[in-house]
C-alpha cells in the first residue's frame, strides 16, 4: 500500500486523488484543506435562491481527458452547458461580437465545486477541512524515506510515502522553504515556485430584481487595457438564477485589483457597479439590490514554472500540482495536471 498526503483540495488534487484511487495498487490518501470548501478557485456560493461562481466561471472542453471525465466518468446529472457566447470589449468600452473559441462551456446546476466533490466521492480519500498544513517534514518516525505534515495546531499527519502540494505557487514556495528537509532540492524548488507570476483579481457580485437581456453570456476585455476585465451573466447558467432576475459577476483588471485590494469593499463595489453600468449602457446597474465580493490575491498564474526542480523533487516523493504547474490558469488545465501527477505517483 502507498500512503499519500495531499495539501489542498483543489481541482488538481481531486483529479490526482481520483487517479490514485483507480490505480492497480492500494493507495491510502489523506487530504488537508485549509478552507471549508472544495475545488479551490472554482468556488460556488448560494444566496437568496441564486447560485453563483465567483472564481472560475466555467469548465471548457479544451482537452479530451476532461471531456471524458465530465461526460463519461463522472455522473452527468446536473451537468449543464452555457450556450450563449462570450463577446469582447476594448479600452474605450466598445463591445464587439467574439469568436467564442470555447466549443463547450460547462458547469453544474449546483456549481463548479461539483467537479471536486464528485471526484473525491469516487475515492476513499479522507478529506480534513479547515486544517491548514504549515510544515512539510522529511523523515520522522524512524524512517528517513517518508514524509509528514504538521498543521497549524501542531498536529502531525503521516507518515506518507509521497506528498502532493496543491496550493498556489507562492504558498507552495512558503511550505517548501519551511520544510524540515535537508536536501539540495529544497531551495531550487522553492525558488521555482516563487518565480511564477500571478494576477490578482478582485471580484464583485451584483444582483438585480429584473432581467437583463443581452445576446451574450459574458464580455472579456480583449486589449487588457480596461479597469474591468470580465463581466458575466449567471442567469445564462441553467438553474443558477430565478427567472426574471439578473446576477452579474464582475472581475476587475489585475492592475485595478492590486491597487485597490485592501480598499473598503463597499467603495470597490460602488466603483465596479458604476464601470459596469457604463460598459453595458444601463444606469440601473449602479443600484443592485444585493452584492457580494471576493479578492483573489493569487488568482491566475501568468506563466509556467521551471520543470527541472519539480522533477528532482518528485524523485524524492514531493509533487507539485495545479494550474501553475500546467502553465495555464484554467480549470481544465488543473484537472489534466492532477490526472498526470496521480499517474506518475503510482508509475502507471
Protein backbone atom coordinates (compact mmCIF):
# COMPACT_ATOMS: atom_id res chain seq x y z
CA UNK A 1 0.00 0.00 0.00
CA UNK A 2 1.15 3.54 -0.80
CA UNK A 3 0.36 6.27 1.72
CA UNK A 4 -0.24 9.70 0.19
CA UNK A 5 -0.58 13.10 1.87
CA UNK A 6 -2.22 15.87 -0.15
CA UNK A 7 -2.14 19.56 0.78
CA UNK A 8 -5.17 21.38 -0.64
CA UNK A 9 -8.42 20.08 -2.11
CA UNK A 10 -8.44 21.99 -5.38
CA UNK A 11 -9.32 20.60 -8.78
CA UNK A 12 -5.85 19.19 -9.43
CA UNK A 13 -5.79 17.45 -6.05
CA UNK A 14 -9.22 15.96 -6.66
CA UNK A 15 -8.14 14.65 -10.08
CA UNK A 16 -4.95 13.20 -8.63
CA UNK A 17 -6.86 11.50 -5.79
CA UNK A 18 -9.23 10.03 -8.36
CA UNK A 19 -6.34 8.63 -10.41
CA UNK A 20 -4.68 7.22 -7.29
CA UNK A 21 -7.91 5.55 -6.21
CA UNK A 22 -8.11 3.75 -9.54
CA UNK A 23 -4.51 2.53 -9.55
CA UNK A 24 -3.68 -1.16 -9.64
CA UNK A 25 -2.06 -0.90 -6.23
CA UNK A 26 -3.77 0.04 -2.97
CA UNK A 27 -3.48 3.72 -2.08
CA UNK A 28 -4.42 5.46 1.18
CA UNK A 29 -4.85 9.22 0.63
CA UNK A 30 -5.21 11.92 3.31
CA UNK A 31 -6.14 15.47 2.25
CA UNK A 32 -5.62 18.58 4.40
CA UNK A 33 -7.72 21.54 3.18
CA UNK A 34 -7.44 24.91 4.92
CA UNK A 35 -10.95 26.10 3.99
CA UNK A 36 -14.44 24.68 4.42
CA UNK A 37 -14.92 24.05 0.71
CA UNK A 38 -13.52 22.00 -2.14
CA UNK A 39 -12.21 22.86 -5.62
CA UNK A 40 -10.10 25.92 -4.79
CA UNK A 41 -10.77 28.91 -7.05
CA UNK A 42 -13.61 27.04 -8.74
CA UNK A 43 -15.80 28.38 -5.97
CA UNK A 44 -19.58 28.45 -5.58
CA UNK A 45 -21.86 30.41 -3.26
CA UNK A 46 -25.61 30.45 -2.68
CA UNK A 47 -27.77 33.38 -1.65
CA UNK A 48 -31.50 34.06 -1.88
CA UNK A 49 -32.21 31.22 -4.32
CA UNK A 50 -29.25 32.17 -6.53
CA UNK A 51 -26.18 30.05 -7.19
CA UNK A 52 -23.10 31.84 -8.49
CA UNK A 53 -19.46 31.12 -9.34
CA UNK A 54 -17.22 33.99 -8.33
CA UNK A 55 -13.82 32.49 -9.24
CA UNK A 56 -13.51 30.19 -12.22
CA UNK A 57 -16.53 30.81 -14.42
CA UNK A 58 -16.89 27.50 -16.24
CA UNK A 59 -15.09 24.38 -17.42
CA UNK A 60 -14.18 24.38 -21.09
CA UNK A 61 -13.78 21.38 -23.40
CA UNK A 62 -10.16 22.04 -24.37
CA UNK A 63 -8.80 18.58 -23.60
CA UNK A 64 -10.16 15.14 -24.46
CA UNK A 65 -9.33 13.85 -20.98
CA UNK A 66 -11.53 16.50 -19.39
CA UNK A 67 -14.34 15.83 -21.87
CA UNK A 68 -14.24 12.14 -20.99
CA UNK A 69 -14.06 12.94 -17.29
CA UNK A 70 -17.17 15.13 -17.12
CA UNK A 71 -19.30 13.44 -19.79
CA UNK A 72 -18.49 9.80 -19.14
CA UNK A 73 -16.51 9.05 -15.95
CA UNK A 74 -18.45 11.32 -13.60
CA UNK A 75 -22.19 11.37 -13.03
CA UNK A 76 -23.66 13.72 -15.64
CA UNK A 77 -26.84 14.59 -13.73
CA UNK A 78 -26.84 18.35 -13.20
CA UNK A 79 -24.15 18.99 -15.82
CA UNK A 80 -25.27 21.96 -17.94
CA UNK A 81 -23.85 23.92 -20.85
CA UNK A 82 -23.71 27.68 -21.24
CA UNK A 83 -24.97 28.19 -24.76
CA UNK A 84 -24.66 31.97 -25.04
CA UNK A 85 -21.36 33.28 -26.47
CA UNK A 86 -18.54 35.32 -25.00
CA UNK A 87 -18.08 38.73 -26.65
CA UNK A 88 -15.25 41.24 -26.26
CA UNK A 89 -14.75 44.91 -25.44
CA UNK A 90 -11.80 47.28 -25.73
CA UNK A 91 -10.26 50.08 -23.67
CA UNK A 92 -12.94 52.50 -24.89
CA UNK A 93 -15.72 50.14 -23.80
CA UNK A 94 -16.72 49.28 -27.38
CA UNK A 95 -18.40 45.86 -27.43
CA UNK A 96 -17.90 43.56 -30.41
CA UNK A 97 -19.03 40.05 -31.24
CA UNK A 98 -16.45 37.50 -30.16
CA UNK A 99 -15.34 34.33 -31.90
CA UNK A 100 -16.45 32.15 -28.93
CA UNK A 101 -13.44 29.88 -29.19
CA UNK A 102 -14.57 27.59 -26.37
CA UNK A 103 -16.57 24.82 -28.04
CA UNK A 104 -18.31 23.87 -24.80
CA UNK A 105 -18.65 25.84 -21.57
CA UNK A 106 -19.80 23.54 -18.77
CA UNK A 107 -20.87 23.97 -15.20
CA UNK A 108 -23.32 22.23 -12.87
CA UNK A 109 -26.69 23.34 -11.59
CA UNK A 110 -25.18 23.09 -8.11
CA UNK A 111 -21.99 24.94 -9.17
CA UNK A 112 -18.47 24.14 -10.32
CA UNK A 113 -17.46 22.78 -6.93
CA UNK A 114 -19.28 19.64 -8.06
CA UNK A 115 -16.17 18.75 -10.09
CA UNK A 116 -14.06 18.20 -6.97
CA UNK A 117 -16.94 16.84 -4.90
CA UNK A 118 -17.75 14.18 -7.50
CA UNK A 119 -14.10 13.23 -7.99
CA UNK A 120 -13.43 12.87 -4.26
CA UNK A 121 -16.69 10.92 -3.87
CA UNK A 122 -15.27 8.25 -6.17
CA UNK A 123 -12.28 7.74 -3.87
CA UNK A 124 -11.63 6.54 -0.34
CA UNK A 125 -9.57 9.64 0.39
CA UNK A 126 -10.10 11.22 3.78
CA UNK A 127 -10.54 14.99 3.47
CA UNK A 128 -9.93 17.08 6.60
CA UNK A 129 -11.39 20.55 6.07
CA UNK A 130 -10.36 23.66 7.99
CA UNK A 131 -6.97 22.05 8.52
CA UNK A 132 -4.06 24.21 7.39
CA UNK A 133 -0.80 22.41 6.64
CA UNK A 134 2.10 24.62 7.75
CA UNK A 135 5.18 22.43 7.66
CA UNK A 136 6.42 19.62 5.45
CA UNK A 137 8.70 17.19 7.26
CA UNK A 138 11.03 14.70 5.66
CA UNK A 139 11.51 11.58 7.73
CA UNK A 140 10.32 11.28 11.30
CA UNK A 141 9.02 8.20 12.98
CA UNK A 142 12.35 6.47 12.43
CA UNK A 143 12.07 6.37 8.64
CA UNK A 144 14.07 8.93 6.65
CA UNK A 145 12.34 7.98 3.40
CA UNK A 146 8.84 9.05 4.44
CA UNK A 147 7.09 12.39 4.86
CA UNK A 148 4.91 14.03 7.48
CA UNK A 149 2.73 17.14 7.51
CA UNK A 150 2.27 19.41 10.50
CA UNK A 151 -0.86 21.56 10.72
CA UNK A 152 -1.46 24.96 12.32
CA UNK A 153 -2.38 23.30 15.62
CA UNK A 154 0.88 21.37 15.78
CA UNK A 155 -0.68 18.03 14.90
CA UNK A 156 1.39 15.75 12.70
CA UNK A 157 -0.09 13.70 9.91
CA UNK A 158 1.55 10.70 8.28
CA UNK A 159 3.86 9.04 7.69
CA UNK A 160 3.41 9.30 3.92
CA UNK A 161 5.34 7.70 1.10
CA UNK A 162 4.68 10.80 -1.02
CA UNK A 163 3.24 14.28 -0.52
CA UNK A 164 1.33 16.31 -3.14
CA UNK A 165 1.25 20.11 -2.83
CA UNK A 166 -1.76 21.79 -4.46
CA UNK A 167 -1.71 25.41 -3.12
CA UNK A 168 -0.93 28.33 -5.47
CA UNK A 169 2.75 28.68 -6.30
CA UNK A 170 3.59 31.43 -3.72
CA UNK A 171 2.02 29.40 -0.91
CA UNK A 172 3.73 26.24 -2.13
CA UNK A 173 7.05 28.13 -2.03
CA UNK A 174 6.39 29.09 1.61
CA UNK A 175 5.64 25.47 2.52
CA UNK A 176 8.79 24.22 0.81
CA UNK A 177 11.00 26.86 2.45
CA UNK A 178 9.61 25.98 5.88
CA UNK A 179 10.13 22.27 5.28
CA UNK A 180 12.19 20.20 7.65
CA UNK A 181 14.00 18.69 4.70
CA UNK A 182 17.77 18.67 4.35
CA UNK A 183 18.12 18.35 0.60
CA UNK A 184 19.75 20.36 -2.21
CA UNK A 185 16.39 20.08 -3.95
CA UNK A 186 14.51 22.29 -1.48
CA UNK A 187 15.74 25.78 -2.34
CA UNK A 188 15.66 25.39 -6.15
CA UNK A 189 12.09 24.06 -5.83
CA UNK A 190 11.03 26.98 -3.62
CA UNK A 191 12.75 29.45 -5.97
CA UNK A 192 10.98 27.96 -9.00
CA UNK A 193 7.55 28.19 -7.37
CA UNK A 194 8.22 31.68 -6.05
CA UNK A 195 9.18 32.88 -9.54
CA UNK A 196 5.74 32.12 -11.03
CA UNK A 197 3.99 35.46 -11.67
CA UNK A 198 0.37 35.80 -10.60
CA UNK A 199 -2.53 38.07 -11.42
CA UNK A 200 -4.55 39.49 -8.54
CA UNK A 201 -8.30 39.64 -9.18
CA UNK A 202 -10.97 41.46 -7.15
CA UNK A 203 -14.48 40.22 -7.96
CA UNK A 204 -17.79 41.98 -7.41
CA UNK A 205 -21.15 40.19 -7.47
CA UNK A 206 -24.26 42.26 -8.31
CA UNK A 207 -27.86 41.05 -8.15
CA UNK A 208 -30.84 42.82 -9.74
CA UNK A 209 -34.58 42.13 -9.44
CA UNK A 210 -35.04 42.45 -13.18
CA UNK A 211 -33.97 40.51 -16.26
CA UNK A 212 -31.07 41.92 -18.24
CA UNK A 213 -31.41 40.99 -21.89
CA UNK A 214 -28.17 40.71 -23.84
CA UNK A 215 -27.10 38.48 -26.77
CA UNK A 216 -24.03 37.22 -24.88
CA UNK A 217 -23.18 35.32 -21.72
CA UNK A 218 -20.07 37.35 -20.96
CA UNK A 219 -17.78 40.17 -22.05
CA UNK A 220 -13.98 39.91 -21.84
CA UNK A 221 -11.56 42.81 -22.26
CA UNK A 222 -9.58 41.87 -25.35
CA UNK A 223 -6.86 44.53 -25.23
CA UNK A 224 -6.20 44.22 -21.45
CA UNK A 225 -6.48 47.99 -21.12
CA UNK A 226 -9.74 48.49 -19.21
CA UNK A 227 -10.33 48.57 -15.45
CA UNK A 228 -12.90 45.81 -15.91
CA UNK A 229 -11.53 42.51 -17.16
CA UNK A 230 -14.65 40.35 -17.28
CA UNK A 231 -18.42 40.60 -16.88
CA UNK A 232 -20.65 37.53 -16.98
CA UNK A 233 -24.34 36.81 -16.50
CA UNK A 234 -25.05 33.94 -14.12
CA UNK A 235 -28.63 33.79 -15.37
CA UNK A 236 -27.24 32.19 -18.55
CA UNK A 237 -26.36 29.11 -16.50
CA UNK A 238 -29.38 26.80 -16.17
CA UNK A 239 -30.58 26.55 -12.59
CA UNK A 240 -28.42 29.36 -11.19
CA UNK A 241 -30.71 32.42 -11.08
CA UNK A 242 -34.52 32.57 -10.72
CA UNK A 243 -36.48 33.74 -13.77
CA UNK A 244 -36.86 37.49 -14.08
CA UNK A 245 -33.65 38.25 -12.17
CA UNK A 246 -30.05 39.04 -13.15
CA UNK A 247 -26.78 38.38 -11.40
CA UNK A 248 -23.52 39.79 -12.74
CA UNK A 249 -20.01 38.58 -11.92
CA UNK A 250 -17.60 41.47 -12.49
CA UNK A 251 -13.87 40.81 -12.29
CA UNK A 252 -11.66 43.88 -12.19
CA UNK A 253 -8.42 44.03 -14.15
CA UNK A 254 -5.29 42.76 -12.38
CA UNK A 255 -3.87 46.29 -12.09
CA UNK A 256 -7.08 47.73 -10.64
CA UNK A 257 -7.40 44.74 -8.32
CA UNK A 258 -3.85 45.01 -6.99
CA UNK A 259 -4.12 48.77 -6.45
CA UNK A 260 -7.42 48.52 -4.55
CA UNK A 261 -7.16 45.07 -2.98
CA UNK A 262 -7.16 46.43 0.58
CA UNK A 263 -9.64 49.24 -0.02
CA UNK A 264 -13.05 49.07 1.74
CA UNK A 265 -15.23 46.56 -0.16
CA UNK A 266 -18.17 48.97 -0.31
CA UNK A 267 -16.07 51.53 -2.18
CA UNK A 268 -14.76 48.91 -4.61
CA UNK A 269 -18.26 47.61 -5.26
CA UNK A 270 -19.57 51.10 -5.96
CA UNK A 271 -16.76 51.75 -8.46
CA UNK A 272 -17.26 48.39 -10.19
CA UNK A 273 -21.03 48.88 -10.43
CA UNK A 274 -20.50 52.30 -12.00
CA UNK A 275 -18.00 50.96 -14.55
CA UNK A 276 -20.30 48.04 -15.37
CA UNK A 277 -23.28 50.36 -15.89
CA UNK A 278 -21.26 52.45 -18.34
CA UNK A 279 -19.89 49.40 -20.14
CA UNK A 280 -23.31 47.80 -20.58
CA UNK A 281 -25.09 51.12 -21.15
CA UNK A 282 -27.66 50.64 -18.39
CA UNK A 283 -27.85 53.10 -15.48
CA UNK A 284 -29.96 50.66 -13.45
CA UNK A 285 -26.83 48.56 -12.88
CA UNK A 286 -25.45 51.17 -10.50
CA UNK A 287 -28.00 50.12 -7.88
CA UNK A 288 -28.02 46.35 -7.24
CA UNK A 289 -30.39 45.09 -4.56
CA UNK A 290 -27.63 42.96 -3.04
CA UNK A 291 -23.92 42.41 -3.56
CA UNK A 292 -21.08 40.09 -2.68
CA UNK A 293 -17.34 40.20 -3.27
CA UNK A 294 -14.15 38.18 -3.16
CA UNK A 295 -10.50 39.08 -3.53
CA UNK A 296 -8.10 36.55 -5.03
CA UNK A 297 -4.52 37.53 -4.19
CA UNK A 298 -3.21 34.63 -6.28
CA UNK A 299 -5.91 34.28 -8.88
CA UNK A 300 -4.24 33.19 -12.10
CA UNK A 301 -0.65 32.20 -12.95
CA UNK A 302 0.74 34.33 -15.78
CA UNK A 303 3.47 31.91 -16.81
CA UNK A 304 4.70 28.38 -16.32
CA UNK A 305 7.31 27.06 -13.92
CA UNK A 306 10.80 25.67 -14.42
CA UNK A 307 10.25 21.92 -14.53
CA UNK A 308 13.69 20.60 -13.59
CA UNK A 309 13.37 21.44 -9.85
CA UNK A 310 9.90 19.85 -9.83
CA UNK A 311 11.24 16.70 -11.48
CA UNK A 312 14.04 16.42 -8.91
CA UNK A 313 11.57 16.84 -6.04
CA UNK A 314 9.33 14.13 -7.46
CA UNK A 315 12.22 11.69 -7.33
CA UNK A 316 12.23 12.24 -3.55
CA UNK A 317 8.46 11.84 -3.26
CA UNK A 318 7.37 15.50 -3.20
CA UNK A 319 4.98 16.51 -6.01
CA UNK A 320 3.62 19.92 -7.01
CA UNK A 321 0.36 20.18 -8.94
CA UNK A 322 -2.16 22.74 -10.09
CA UNK A 323 -2.78 25.19 -12.89
CA UNK A 324 0.56 26.94 -12.20
CA UNK A 325 2.38 23.66 -12.87
CA UNK A 326 0.36 23.22 -16.06
CA UNK A 327 1.28 26.78 -17.06
CA UNK A 328 -2.30 27.82 -17.77
CA UNK A 329 -4.74 29.37 -15.32
CA UNK A 330 -7.76 27.39 -16.40
CA UNK A 331 -9.80 24.75 -14.62
CA UNK A 332 -9.36 22.14 -17.34
CA UNK A 333 -5.56 22.59 -17.15
CA UNK A 334 -5.58 21.98 -13.40
CA UNK A 335 -7.65 18.83 -13.83
CA UNK A 336 -5.33 17.46 -16.52
CA UNK A 337 -2.27 18.20 -14.42
CA UNK A 338 -3.82 16.36 -11.48
CA UNK A 339 -4.52 13.32 -13.62
CA UNK A 340 -0.93 13.30 -14.84
CA UNK A 341 0.60 13.71 -11.39
CA UNK A 342 -1.57 10.95 -9.95
CA UNK A 343 -0.36 8.60 -12.67
CA UNK A 344 3.30 9.47 -12.01
CA UNK A 345 2.96 8.81 -8.28
CA UNK A 346 1.98 5.19 -8.93
CA UNK A 347 4.07 4.80 -12.10
CA UNK A 348 1.03 3.86 -14.17
